[in-house]
Amino acid sequence: MVQQRYFEYGKDYQYLGESHDFWEVMYADRGSFTVTCGENNYRISRGEMILLPPNRFHALRSDDTAPSNLFIISF
């Protein structure tokens, strides 16, 4: 099953993280984010995406002074 979500996050948004048994694609539509995946940090900005593998702990935080938008597809 494929799920999709589109979010607008506040400039100070921080998600402490999760892991799950499916793939996830995160696409930054506006602003930028830092995605922590395992022990690595990745910065994604407008027009960029990241593919997260199953069962890998990941967290997210906004990096801007303005709200940021993120499109997420899980499969």
Protein backbone atom coordinates (compact mmCIF):
# COMPACT_ATOMS: atom_id res chain seq x y z
CA MET A 1 0.00 0.00 0.00
CA VAL A 2 1.30 3.47 -0.88
CA GLN A 3 0.58 6.43 1.40
CA GLN A 4 1.28 10.05 0.67
CA ARG A 5 1.21 13.13 2.85
CA TYR A 6 1.93 16.81 2.37
CA PHE A 7 2.83 18.92 5.41
CA GLU A 8 3.67 22.52 6.19
CA TYR A 9 5.99 22.61 9.20
CA GLY A 10 6.71 25.62 11.39
CA LYS A 11 10.18 27.14 11.37
CA ASP A 12 11.04 25.45 14.69
CA TYR A 13 9.57 22.02 13.91
CA GLN A 14 11.40 19.01 15.30
CA TYR A 15 10.32 15.36 15.17
CA LEU A 16 12.24 13.08 17.52
CA GLY A 17 12.06 10.14 15.15
CA GLU A 18 10.71 6.72 14.29
CA SER A 19 11.49 3.53 12.43
CA HIS A 20 9.10 1.33 10.47
CA ASP A 21 9.08 -1.63 8.08
CA PHE A 22 8.51 0.29 4.84
CA TRP A 23 10.40 2.65 2.51
CA GLU A 24 9.84 6.40 2.73
CA VAL A 25 10.63 9.22 0.31
CA MET A 26 10.81 12.79 1.64
CA TYR A 27 10.71 15.67 -0.86
CA ALA A 28 11.28 19.29 0.23
CA ASP A 29 8.83 21.50 -1.64
CA ARG A 30 9.74 24.69 0.23
CA GLY A 31 12.44 25.56 2.74
CA SER A 32 14.92 23.04 4.06
CA PHE A 33 15.20 20.24 6.59
CA THR A 34 17.80 18.16 8.35
CA VAL A 35 17.02 14.45 8.24
CA THR A 36 18.90 12.27 10.71
CA CYS A 37 19.08 8.68 9.47
CA GLY A 38 21.01 6.35 11.71
CA GLU A 39 24.11 8.31 12.75
CA ASN A 40 24.17 10.53 9.63
CA ASN A 41 22.63 13.98 9.08
CA TYR A 42 21.42 15.00 5.62
CA ARG A 43 20.22 18.46 4.65
CA ILE A 44 17.52 18.56 1.99
CA SER A 45 16.40 21.85 0.46
CA ARG A 46 13.67 22.85 -1.95
CA GLY A 47 13.59 20.48 -4.92
CA GLU A 48 15.62 17.74 -3.21
CA MET A 49 14.56 14.40 -1.76
CA ILE A 50 15.84 11.56 0.35
CA LEU A 51 14.99 7.85 0.26
CA LEU A 52 14.87 6.20 3.67
CA PRO A 53 15.19 2.41 3.93
CA PRO A 54 12.96 0.19 6.09
CA ASN A 55 13.79 -0.33 9.76
CA ARG A 56 16.24 2.60 9.89
CA PHE A 57 15.61 5.09 12.68
CA HIS A 58 15.15 8.63 11.31
CA ALA A 59 14.30 12.06 12.69
CA LEU A 60 13.46 15.43 11.11
CA ARG A 61 13.82 19.11 11.90
CA SER A 62 13.16 22.34 10.01
CA ASP A 63 16.18 24.51 9.23
CA ASP A 64 14.58 27.77 8.21
CA THR A 65 13.36 31.02 9.63
CA ALA A 66 10.05 30.47 7.80
CA PRO A 67 7.69 27.47 7.48
CA SER A 68 8.82 24.61 5.23
CA ASN A 69 6.80 22.10 3.19
CA LEU A 70 7.51 18.39 2.92
CA PHE A 71 5.87 15.75 0.72
CA ILE A 72 6.20 12.18 2.06
CA ILE A 73 5.50 8.95 0.18
CA SER A 74 5.61 5.62 2.04
CA PHE A 75 5.61 2.24 0.33
